[in-house]
Each structure stands twice: as C-alpha cells, then as structure tokens.
Amino acid sequence: MAKYIRNSGKQWTSSEVRELKLLAIHNTPTRVIGLKLGRTPGSVYTKASSERISLNPVNKSPYNRKKFTN
C-alpha cells in the first residue's frame, strides 16, 4: 500500500485544484491523480465532490489513448 505523507493534513492549494480539474478532464484514474498530487484517492474524491468536478469516466480510454485497428 502506498504511503501518502507528502500532503497529509495540508490544505489544498489553488494550483492543486487546477491540476485536479485538468487531470479529471483528461480521464486520468483517481488513484493516479492521488499519486501525482500526493493525496489519497479518498481525499481526491472528497475534493472533487466539493469542487463539483466529475471523476466519472467519459466514453474514452484513459490518457486519451486511441484503439488500435488493423
């Protein structure tokens, strides 16, 4: 299990919220967002909910990957 001590108990900064919005728009998984921001997935869910940021995946692959066709 990963340890999230980097930002444990600290307030969210405006730049972290902006990055959260950007990563959510790009369909990044919640666990990856947490690792990039040094937060737990639970705190990412909570902050996204309070900021009204949708973490539901849109109909595309993570990281905007395109499916390979022959």
N, C-alpha and C. Protein backbone atom coordinates (compact mmCIF):
# COMPACT_ATOMS: atom_id res chain seq x y z
N MET A 1 0.84 -1.17 0.00
CA MET A 1 0.00 0.00 0.00
C MET A 1 0.88 1.24 0.00
N ALA A 2 0.55 2.19 -0.83
CA ALA A 2 1.34 3.41 -0.96
C ALA A 2 1.13 4.31 0.24
N LYS A 3 2.16 5.05 0.58
CA LYS A 3 2.05 5.99 1.69
C LYS A 3 1.92 7.40 1.11
N TYR A 4 0.93 8.12 1.58
CA TYR A 4 0.64 9.45 1.10
C TYR A 4 0.96 10.44 2.21
N ILE A 5 2.24 10.65 2.49
CA ILE A 5 2.59 11.55 3.59
C ILE A 5 2.95 12.95 3.09
N ARG A 6 3.13 13.08 1.81
CA ARG A 6 3.60 14.35 1.25
C ARG A 6 2.67 15.50 1.58
N ASN A 7 1.38 15.33 1.38
CA ASN A 7 0.43 16.41 1.61
C ASN A 7 -0.61 16.03 2.66
N SER A 8 -0.26 15.09 3.50
CA SER A 8 -1.22 14.62 4.51
C SER A 8 -1.57 15.73 5.49
N GLY A 9 -2.86 16.03 5.58
CA GLY A 9 -3.34 17.04 6.52
C GLY A 9 -3.18 18.48 6.07
N LYS A 10 -2.63 18.70 4.89
CA LYS A 10 -2.45 20.06 4.39
C LYS A 10 -3.67 20.50 3.60
N GLN A 11 -3.90 21.80 3.57
CA GLN A 11 -4.99 22.36 2.77
C GLN A 11 -4.65 22.23 1.29
N TRP A 12 -5.68 22.14 0.47
CA TRP A 12 -5.50 22.11 -0.98
C TRP A 12 -5.16 23.51 -1.47
N THR A 13 -4.16 23.62 -2.32
CA THR A 13 -3.83 24.91 -2.92
C THR A 13 -4.63 25.09 -4.21
N SER A 14 -4.69 26.31 -4.68
CA SER A 14 -5.43 26.57 -5.93
C SER A 14 -4.77 25.87 -7.11
N SER A 15 -3.46 25.74 -7.10
CA SER A 15 -2.78 25.05 -8.20
C SER A 15 -3.07 23.55 -8.18
N GLU A 16 -3.22 22.97 -6.99
CA GLU A 16 -3.59 21.55 -6.90
C GLU A 16 -5.01 21.33 -7.41
N VAL A 17 -5.91 22.25 -7.12
CA VAL A 17 -7.29 22.14 -7.59
C VAL A 17 -7.33 22.26 -9.11
N ARG A 18 -6.54 23.18 -9.65
CA ARG A 18 -6.47 23.33 -11.12
C ARG A 18 -5.94 22.06 -11.76
N GLU A 19 -4.90 21.46 -11.15
CA GLU A 19 -4.35 20.22 -11.70
C GLU A 19 -5.36 19.08 -11.59
N LEU A 20 -6.10 19.04 -10.49
CA LEU A 20 -7.16 18.04 -10.33
C LEU A 20 -8.19 18.17 -11.44
N LYS A 21 -8.62 19.38 -11.74
CA LYS A 21 -9.59 19.61 -12.81
C LYS A 21 -9.03 19.16 -14.16
N LEU A 22 -7.78 19.51 -14.42
CA LEU A 22 -7.15 19.14 -15.69
C LEU A 22 -7.03 17.63 -15.84
N LEU A 23 -6.58 16.96 -14.78
CA LEU A 23 -6.43 15.51 -14.83
C LEU A 23 -7.78 14.82 -14.97
N ALA A 24 -8.81 15.35 -14.33
CA ALA A 24 -10.15 14.77 -14.45
C ALA A 24 -10.68 14.93 -15.87
N ILE A 25 -10.42 16.07 -16.48
CA ILE A 25 -10.86 16.30 -17.86
C ILE A 25 -10.20 15.30 -18.80
N HIS A 26 -8.94 14.98 -18.52
CA HIS A 26 -8.19 14.05 -19.37
C HIS A 26 -8.43 12.59 -19.01
N ASN A 27 -9.46 12.32 -18.18
CA ASN A 27 -9.89 10.97 -17.86
C ASN A 27 -8.81 10.16 -17.14
N THR A 28 -8.03 10.80 -16.29
CA THR A 28 -6.99 10.13 -15.52
C THR A 28 -7.64 9.38 -14.36
N PRO A 29 -7.23 8.13 -14.11
CA PRO A 29 -7.80 7.38 -12.99
C PRO A 29 -7.54 8.09 -11.65
N THR A 30 -8.46 7.92 -10.72
CA THR A 30 -8.40 8.61 -9.44
C THR A 30 -7.14 8.25 -8.66
N ARG A 31 -6.75 7.00 -8.70
CA ARG A 31 -5.54 6.58 -7.99
C ARG A 31 -4.30 7.29 -8.54
N VAL A 32 -4.24 7.44 -9.85
CA VAL A 32 -3.10 8.13 -10.47
C VAL A 32 -3.11 9.62 -10.10
N ILE A 33 -4.30 10.23 -10.07
CA ILE A 33 -4.41 11.62 -9.64
C ILE A 33 -3.87 11.76 -8.22
N GLY A 34 -4.26 10.83 -7.35
CA GLY A 34 -3.79 10.86 -5.98
C GLY A 34 -2.28 10.75 -5.87
N LEU A 35 -1.70 9.88 -6.67
CA LEU A 35 -0.25 9.72 -6.65
C LEU A 35 0.46 10.97 -7.14
N LYS A 36 -0.07 11.59 -8.19
CA LYS A 36 0.55 12.80 -8.73
C LYS A 36 0.45 13.97 -7.77
N LEU A 37 -0.66 14.05 -7.03
CA LEU A 37 -0.86 15.17 -6.11
C LEU A 37 -0.39 14.86 -4.69
N GLY A 38 0.00 13.62 -4.43
CA GLY A 38 0.43 13.25 -3.09
C GLY A 38 -0.73 13.16 -2.12
N ARG A 39 -1.90 12.78 -2.62
CA ARG A 39 -3.12 12.68 -1.81
C ARG A 39 -3.66 11.26 -1.91
N THR A 40 -4.49 10.89 -0.96
CA THR A 40 -5.14 9.59 -1.03
C THR A 40 -6.29 9.66 -2.04
N PRO A 41 -6.66 8.51 -2.60
CA PRO A 41 -7.81 8.52 -3.51
C PRO A 41 -9.08 9.03 -2.83
N GLY A 42 -9.23 8.76 -1.55
CA GLY A 42 -10.40 9.26 -0.82
C GLY A 42 -10.43 10.77 -0.74
N SER A 43 -9.26 11.38 -0.51
CA SER A 43 -9.23 12.84 -0.45
C SER A 43 -9.45 13.46 -1.82
N VAL A 44 -9.02 12.76 -2.87
CA VAL A 44 -9.27 13.24 -4.23
C VAL A 44 -10.77 13.21 -4.51
N TYR A 45 -11.45 12.11 -4.13
CA TYR A 45 -12.91 12.03 -4.31
C TYR A 45 -13.62 13.14 -3.54
N THR A 46 -13.20 13.36 -2.30
CA THR A 46 -13.84 14.36 -1.47
C THR A 46 -13.68 15.76 -2.04
N LYS A 47 -12.45 16.11 -2.46
CA LYS A 47 -12.20 17.44 -3.01
C LYS A 47 -12.93 17.62 -4.34
N ALA A 48 -12.93 16.59 -5.17
CA ALA A 48 -13.63 16.67 -6.46
C ALA A 48 -15.12 16.89 -6.23
N SER A 49 -15.66 16.22 -5.23
CA SER A 49 -17.07 16.39 -4.92
C SER A 49 -17.38 17.80 -4.43
N SER A 50 -16.52 18.33 -3.57
CA SER A 50 -16.76 19.68 -3.04
C SER A 50 -16.57 20.75 -4.10
N GLU A 51 -15.72 20.49 -5.10
CA GLU A 51 -15.49 21.44 -6.19
C GLU A 51 -16.41 21.17 -7.39
N ARG A 52 -17.27 20.17 -7.27
CA ARG A 52 -18.18 19.76 -8.34
C ARG A 52 -17.44 19.38 -9.62
N ILE A 53 -16.39 18.57 -9.43
CA ILE A 53 -15.61 18.04 -10.54
C ILE A 53 -16.01 16.58 -10.72
N SER A 54 -16.41 16.22 -11.92
CA SER A 54 -16.84 14.85 -12.18
C SER A 54 -15.62 13.97 -12.42
N LEU A 55 -15.55 12.87 -11.69
CA LEU A 55 -14.49 11.89 -11.89
C LEU A 55 -14.99 10.68 -12.67
N ASN A 56 -16.26 10.73 -13.09
CA ASN A 56 -16.80 9.64 -13.88
C ASN A 56 -16.11 9.60 -15.23
N PRO A 57 -15.72 8.40 -15.68
CA PRO A 57 -15.03 8.33 -16.96
C PRO A 57 -15.98 8.67 -18.11
N VAL A 58 -15.46 9.41 -19.04
CA VAL A 58 -16.21 9.66 -20.26
C VAL A 58 -15.95 8.50 -21.20
N ASN A 59 -16.64 8.41 -22.27
CA ASN A 59 -16.53 7.25 -23.15
C ASN A 59 -15.26 7.29 -23.98
N LYS A 60 -14.14 7.22 -23.29
CA LYS A 60 -12.85 7.13 -23.98
C LYS A 60 -11.86 6.43 -23.06
N SER A 61 -10.79 5.95 -23.61
CA SER A 61 -9.78 5.24 -22.84
C SER A 61 -9.01 6.21 -21.96
N PRO A 62 -8.43 5.72 -20.85
CA PRO A 62 -7.60 6.59 -20.02
C PRO A 62 -6.45 7.19 -20.82
N TYR A 63 -6.05 8.36 -20.45
CA TYR A 63 -4.94 9.09 -21.07
C TYR A 63 -5.17 9.38 -22.53
N ASN A 64 -6.42 9.38 -22.98
CA ASN A 64 -6.78 9.69 -24.37
C ASN A 64 -6.12 8.77 -25.38
N ARG A 65 -5.98 7.49 -25.02
CA ARG A 65 -5.42 6.51 -25.96
C ARG A 65 -6.45 6.17 -27.00
N LYS A 66 -5.98 5.95 -28.20
CA LYS A 66 -6.87 5.55 -29.27
C LYS A 66 -6.74 4.04 -29.46
N LYS A 67 -7.84 3.41 -29.79
CA LYS A 67 -7.80 1.96 -30.01
C LYS A 67 -7.07 1.67 -31.32
N PHE A 68 -6.28 0.62 -31.29
CA PHE A 68 -5.53 0.22 -32.47
C PHE A 68 -6.42 -0.62 -33.35
N THR A 69 -6.52 -0.25 -34.61
CA THR A 69 -7.31 -1.02 -35.57
C THR A 69 -6.39 -1.44 -36.71
N ASN A 70 -6.66 -2.61 -37.26
CA ASN A 70 -5.82 -3.11 -38.36
C ASN A 70 -6.26 -2.54 -39.66
